[in-house]
């Protein structure tokens, strides 16, 4: 086998393990009462919950596979920007051993891909579409600015189903 083929295999394996680590981190946050949404903007996902005062708490999470993995320049810049604006930013590390145990325990292989999250869990699926006017949010910033969130009491946060514009017009009343 050629050196290029070996390097591609290692790259593919690391990419797969990275996805497993991200999946594990999101599951961990959701099992602790957070709602998660993939961001793709310098962090892997945003975890949201409601604090004891009823305020929505946001934490941006970057997942790293392996203890030696480092943040990219873009990720470091995002971390600095978020912290400067008073936002929480965490690096969630998953060791190779933990990821391999997880893969073995659920019988996962690269060809199968990761299991899909159930629709009733605490993961926000994009895109979000307003059922009244059809406005679409494909990114977290669009979701926050165009739709907003509802604090349902307790630790539950939901995306507003109608966009802010339709809600302001009182459409459907």
C-alpha atoms as a PDB file:
ATOM      1  CA  UNK A   1       0.000   0.000   0.000  1.00  0.00           C
ATOM      2  CA  UNK A   2       1.213   3.491  -0.759  1.00  0.00           C
ATOM      3  CA  UNK A   3       2.002   6.168   1.772  1.00  0.00           C
ATOM      4  CA  UNK A   4      -0.756   8.387   0.324  1.00  0.00           C
ATOM      5  CA  UNK A   5      -3.335   5.621   0.801  1.00  0.00           C
ATOM      6  CA  UNK A   6      -2.223   5.131   4.424  1.00  0.00           C
ATOM      7  CA  UNK A   7      -2.427   8.874   5.073  1.00  0.00           C
ATOM      8  CA  UNK A   8      -5.930   9.026   3.560  1.00  0.00           C
ATOM      9  CA  UNK A   9      -7.044   6.103   5.729  1.00  0.00           C
ATOM     10  CA  UNK A  10      -5.710   7.852   8.857  1.00  0.00           C
ATOM     11  CA  UNK A  11      -7.429  11.097   7.830  1.00  0.00           C
ATOM     12  CA  UNK A  12     -10.730   9.284   7.223  1.00  0.00           C
ATOM     13  CA  UNK A  13     -10.472   7.478  10.575  1.00  0.00           C
ATOM     14  CA  UNK A  14      -9.730  10.725  12.432  1.00  0.00           C
ATOM     15  CA  UNK A  15     -12.635  12.470  10.704  1.00  0.00           C
ATOM     16  CA  UNK A  16     -14.957   9.626  11.733  1.00  0.00           C
ATOM     17  CA  UNK A  17     -13.686   9.715  15.333  1.00  0.00           C
ATOM     18  CA  UNK A  18     -14.177  13.496  15.367  1.00  0.00           C
ATOM     19  CA  UNK A  19     -17.810  13.072  14.331  1.00  0.00           C
ATOM     20  CA  UNK A  20     -18.279  10.401  17.022  1.00  0.00           C
ATOM     21  CA  UNK A  21     -16.745  12.757  19.612  1.00  0.00           C
ATOM     22  CA  UNK A  22     -19.077  15.575  18.534  1.00  0.00           C
ATOM     23  CA  UNK A  23     -22.068  13.238  18.741  1.00  0.00           C
ATOM     24  CA  UNK A  24     -20.970  12.091  22.225  1.00  0.00           C
ATOM     25  CA  UNK A  25     -20.588  15.690  23.435  1.00  0.00           C
ATOM     26  CA  UNK A  26     -24.028  16.687  22.150  1.00  0.00           C
ATOM     27  CA  UNK A  27     -25.577  13.620  23.796  1.00  0.00           C
ATOM     28  CA  UNK A  28     -23.831  14.505  27.053  1.00  0.00           C
ATOM     29  CA  UNK A  29     -25.157  18.071  27.009  1.00  0.00           C
ATOM     30  CA  UNK A  30     -28.680  16.929  26.080  1.00  0.00           C
ATOM     31  CA  UNK A  31     -28.708  14.341  28.875  1.00  0.00           C
ATOM     32  CA  UNK A  32     -27.922  17.213  31.264  1.00  0.00           C
ATOM     33  CA  UNK A  33     -30.946  19.262  30.194  1.00  0.00           C
ATOM     34  CA  UNK A  34     -29.454  21.357  27.387  1.00  0.00           C
ATOM     35  CA  UNK A  35     -30.906  21.991  23.952  1.00  0.00           C
ATOM     36  CA  UNK A  36     -28.236  21.831  21.245  1.00  0.00           C
ATOM     37  CA  UNK A  37     -27.849  23.337  17.804  1.00  0.00           C
ATOM     38  CA  UNK A  38     -24.943  22.883  15.394  1.00  0.00           C
ATOM     39  CA  UNK A  39     -23.291  26.199  14.614  1.00  0.00           C
ATOM     40  CA  UNK A  40     -20.437  25.596  12.160  1.00  0.00           C
ATOM     41  CA  UNK A  41     -19.002  29.038  12.932  1.00  0.00           C
ATOM     42  CA  UNK A  42     -15.886  28.469  15.010  1.00  0.00           C
ATOM     43  CA  UNK A  43     -17.578  26.146  17.463  1.00  0.00           C
ATOM     44  CA  UNK A  44     -19.242  22.793  16.855  1.00  0.00           C
ATOM     45  CA  UNK A  45     -22.512  23.519  18.607  1.00  0.00           C
ATOM     46  CA  UNK A  46     -24.375  25.829  20.925  1.00  0.00           C
ATOM     47  CA  UNK A  47     -25.819  24.362  24.118  1.00  0.00           C
ATOM     48  CA  UNK A  48     -28.702  26.257  25.733  1.00  0.00           C
ATOM     49  CA  UNK A  49     -30.534  25.783  29.000  1.00  0.00           C
ATOM     50  CA  UNK A  50     -32.606  27.871  31.378  1.00  0.00           C
ATOM     51  CA  UNK A  51     -30.916  28.910  34.616  1.00  0.00           C
ATOM     52  CA  UNK A  52     -32.587  29.082  38.038  1.00  0.00           C
ATOM     53  CA  UNK A  53     -33.667  32.682  37.360  1.00  0.00           C
ATOM     54  CA  UNK A  54     -35.467  31.721  34.145  1.00  0.00           C
ATOM     55  CA  UNK A  55     -32.792  33.244  31.901  1.00  0.00           C
ATOM     56  CA  UNK A  56     -31.530  31.373  28.816  1.00  0.00           C
ATOM     57  CA  UNK A  57     -27.885  30.338  29.286  1.00  0.00           C
ATOM     58  CA  UNK A  58     -25.864  29.842  26.091  1.00  0.00           C
ATOM     59  CA  UNK A  59     -22.578  27.942  25.903  1.00  0.00           C
ATOM     60  CA  UNK A  60     -20.617  27.566  22.679  1.00  0.00           C
ATOM     61  CA  UNK A  61     -18.843  24.205  22.545  1.00  0.00           C
ATOM     62  CA  UNK A  62     -15.860  23.122  20.449  1.00  0.00           C
ATOM     63  CA  UNK A  63     -15.275  19.355  20.456  1.00  0.00           C
ATOM     64  CA  UNK A  64     -11.785  17.938  20.124  1.00  0.00           C
ATOM     65  CA  UNK A  65     -10.952  14.290  19.543  1.00  0.00           C
ATOM     66  CA  UNK A  66      -7.766  13.174  21.233  1.00  0.00           C
ATOM     67  CA  UNK A  67      -5.925  14.871  24.018  1.00  0.00           C
ATOM     68  CA  UNK A  68      -3.361  16.473  21.685  1.00  0.00           C
ATOM     69  CA  UNK A  69      -5.889  18.133  19.329  1.00  0.00           C
ATOM     70  CA  UNK A  70      -5.553  21.914  19.162  1.00  0.00           C
ATOM     71  CA  UNK A  71      -7.905  24.711  18.218  1.00  0.00           C
ATOM     72  CA  UNK A  72      -7.489  26.337  14.824  1.00  0.00           C
ATOM     73  CA  UNK A  73      -6.786  30.068  14.509  1.00  0.00           C
ATOM     74  CA  UNK A  74     -10.407  30.602  13.563  1.00  0.00           C
ATOM     75  CA  UNK A  75     -11.608  28.725  16.652  1.00  0.00           C
ATOM     76  CA  UNK A  76      -9.257  30.680  18.931  1.00  0.00           C
ATOM     77  CA  UNK A  77     -10.472  33.954  17.394  1.00  0.00           C
ATOM     78  CA  UNK A  78     -14.084  32.875  17.932  1.00  0.00           C
ATOM     79  CA  UNK A  79     -13.320  31.978  21.559  1.00  0.00           C
ATOM     80  CA  UNK A  80     -11.752  35.406  22.188  1.00  0.00           C
ATOM     81  CA  UNK A  81     -14.651  37.219  20.498  1.00  0.00           C
ATOM     82  CA  UNK A  82     -17.284  35.284  22.453  1.00  0.00           C
ATOM     83  CA  UNK A  83     -15.522  35.730  25.795  1.00  0.00           C
ATOM     84  CA  UNK A  84     -15.086  39.451  25.101  1.00  0.00           C
ATOM     85  CA  UNK A  85     -18.874  39.618  24.615  1.00  0.00           C
ATOM     86  CA  UNK A  86     -19.505  37.767  27.882  1.00  0.00           C
ATOM     87  CA  UNK A  87     -20.439  34.435  26.241  1.00  0.00           C
ATOM     88  CA  UNK A  88     -19.371  31.028  27.502  1.00  0.00           C
ATOM     89  CA  UNK A  89     -17.046  28.962  25.294  1.00  0.00           C
ATOM     90  CA  UNK A  90     -15.884  25.466  26.220  1.00  0.00           C
ATOM     91  CA  UNK A  91     -13.555  22.932  24.658  1.00  0.00           C
ATOM     92  CA  UNK A  92     -14.961  19.421  25.160  1.00  0.00           C
ATOM     93  CA  UNK A  93     -12.286  16.735  24.789  1.00  0.00           C
ATOM     94  CA  UNK A  94     -12.932  13.083  23.997  1.00  0.00           C
ATOM     95  CA  UNK A  95     -10.055  10.608  24.303  1.00  0.00           C
ATOM     96  CA  UNK A  96      -9.484   7.890  21.708  1.00  0.00           C
ATOM     97  CA  UNK A  97     -10.213   5.236  24.360  1.00  0.00           C
ATOM     98  CA  UNK A  98     -13.575   6.769  25.271  1.00  0.00           C
ATOM     99  CA  UNK A  99     -14.586   7.152  21.607  1.00  0.00           C
ATOM    100  CA  UNK A 100     -13.517   3.574  20.815  1.00  0.00           C
ATOM    101  CA  UNK A 101     -15.525   2.245  23.788  1.00  0.00           C
ATOM    102  CA  UNK A 102     -18.555   4.199  22.612  1.00  0.00           C
ATOM    103  CA  UNK A 103     -18.183   2.839  19.071  1.00  0.00           C
ATOM    104  CA  UNK A 104     -17.882  -0.736  20.382  1.00  0.00           C
ATOM    105  CA  UNK A 105     -20.833  -0.372  22.771  1.00  0.00           C
ATOM    106  CA  UNK A 106     -23.253   0.753  20.085  1.00  0.00           C
ATOM    107  CA  UNK A 107     -21.787  -1.472  17.350  1.00  0.00           C
ATOM    108  CA  UNK A 108     -20.968   1.429  15.074  1.00  0.00           C
ATOM    109  CA  UNK A 109     -18.851   1.241  11.940  1.00  0.00           C
ATOM    110  CA  UNK A 110     -17.792   3.965   9.513  1.00  0.00           C
ATOM    111  CA  UNK A 111     -20.072   2.720   6.746  1.00  0.00           C
ATOM    112  CA  UNK A 112     -23.157   2.896   8.988  1.00  0.00           C
ATOM    113  CA  UNK A 113     -22.587   6.491   9.980  1.00  0.00           C
ATOM    114  CA  UNK A 114     -23.866   7.874  13.260  1.00  0.00           C
ATOM    115  CA  UNK A 115     -27.389   7.132  14.445  1.00  0.00           C
ATOM    116  CA  UNK A 116     -29.851   9.944  13.915  1.00  0.00           C
ATOM    117  CA  UNK A 117     -31.112  11.793  16.958  1.00  0.00           C
ATOM    118  CA  UNK A 118     -34.778  11.196  17.623  1.00  0.00           C
ATOM    119  CA  UNK A 119     -37.012  14.167  16.775  1.00  0.00           C
ATOM    120  CA  UNK A 120     -38.317  14.329  20.353  1.00  0.00           C
ATOM    121  CA  UNK A 121     -34.898  14.961  21.870  1.00  0.00           C
ATOM    122  CA  UNK A 122     -33.360  18.329  22.596  1.00  0.00           C
ATOM    123  CA  UNK A 123     -31.595  18.965  19.301  1.00  0.00           C
ATOM    124  CA  UNK A 124     -32.731  21.773  17.009  1.00  0.00           C
ATOM    125  CA  UNK A 125     -32.870  20.648  13.381  1.00  0.00           C
ATOM    126  CA  UNK A 126     -32.033  23.153  10.664  1.00  0.00           C
ATOM    127  CA  UNK A 127     -33.346  24.666   8.526  1.00  0.00           C
ATOM    128  CA  UNK A 128     -36.244  26.187  10.477  1.00  0.00           C
ATOM    129  CA  UNK A 129     -39.110  27.405   8.271  1.00  0.00           C
ATOM    130  CA  UNK A 130     -41.927  29.737   9.319  1.00  0.00           C
ATOM    131  CA  UNK A 131     -45.197  27.900   8.572  1.00  0.00           C
ATOM    132  CA  UNK A 132     -46.954  31.191   7.799  1.00  0.00           C
ATOM    133  CA  UNK A 133     -44.643  33.073   5.408  1.00  0.00           C
ATOM    134  CA  UNK A 134     -41.989  30.468   4.550  1.00  0.00           C
ATOM    135  CA  UNK A 135     -39.019  32.475   5.916  1.00  0.00           C
ATOM    136  CA  UNK A 136     -36.050  30.134   6.456  1.00  0.00           C
ATOM    137  CA  UNK A 137     -33.196  30.138   8.970  1.00  0.00           C
ATOM    138  CA  UNK A 138     -30.184  28.027   8.003  1.00  0.00           C
ATOM    139  CA  UNK A 139     -27.724  29.287  10.616  1.00  0.00           C
ATOM    140  CA  UNK A 140     -27.900  29.989  14.336  1.00  0.00           C
ATOM    141  CA  UNK A 141     -27.581  33.759  13.881  1.00  0.00           C
ATOM    142  CA  UNK A 142     -30.545  33.742  11.462  1.00  0.00           C
ATOM    143  CA  UNK A 143     -32.524  31.552  13.861  1.00  0.00           C
ATOM    144  CA  UNK A 144     -31.857  33.853  16.815  1.00  0.00           C
ATOM    145  CA  UNK A 145     -32.498  37.073  14.865  1.00  0.00           C
ATOM    146  CA  UNK A 146     -35.496  35.984  12.755  1.00  0.00           C
ATOM    147  CA  UNK A 147     -37.302  33.495  15.000  1.00  0.00           C
ATOM    148  CA  UNK A 148     -36.090  33.679  18.604  1.00  0.00           C
ATOM    149  CA  UNK A 149     -36.585  31.182  21.408  1.00  0.00           C
ATOM    150  CA  UNK A 150     -39.299  30.395  23.947  1.00  0.00           C
ATOM    151  CA  UNK A 151     -38.591  29.584  27.575  1.00  0.00           C
ATOM    152  CA  UNK A 152     -41.168  26.864  28.270  1.00  0.00           C
ATOM    153  CA  UNK A 153     -40.482  26.808  32.020  1.00  0.00           C
ATOM    154  CA  UNK A 154     -38.226  24.425  33.831  1.00  0.00           C
ATOM    155  CA  UNK A 155     -35.178  23.759  31.655  1.00  0.00           C
ATOM    156  CA  UNK A 156     -36.987  23.576  28.308  1.00  0.00           C
ATOM    157  CA  UNK A 157     -36.181  25.965  25.459  1.00  0.00           C
ATOM    158  CA  UNK A 158     -37.919  25.817  22.091  1.00  0.00           C
ATOM    159  CA  UNK A 159     -37.512  27.649  18.823  1.00  0.00           C
ATOM    160  CA  UNK A 160     -40.402  29.972  18.020  1.00  0.00           C
ATOM    161  CA  UNK A 161     -42.265  28.272  15.180  1.00  0.00           C
ATOM    162  CA  UNK A 162     -43.353  31.526  13.498  1.00  0.00           C
ATOM    163  CA  UNK A 163     -40.813  34.189  12.559  1.00  0.00           C
ATOM    164  CA  UNK A 164     -40.737  37.433  14.530  1.00  0.00           C
ATOM    165  CA  UNK A 165     -42.310  39.377  11.672  1.00  0.00           C
ATOM    166  CA  UNK A 166     -45.363  37.121  11.445  1.00  0.00           C
ATOM    167  CA  UNK A 167     -45.749  37.092  15.233  1.00  0.00           C
ATOM    168  CA  UNK A 168     -45.538  40.911  15.336  1.00  0.00           C
ATOM    169  CA  UNK A 169     -48.265  41.169  12.669  1.00  0.00           C
ATOM    170  CA  UNK A 170     -50.459  38.849  14.699  1.00  0.00           C
ATOM    171  CA  UNK A 171     -50.912  36.631  11.649  1.00  0.00           C
ATOM    172  CA  UNK A 172     -53.412  33.836  12.094  1.00  0.00           C
ATOM    173  CA  UNK A 173     -55.344  35.522  14.947  1.00  0.00           C
END
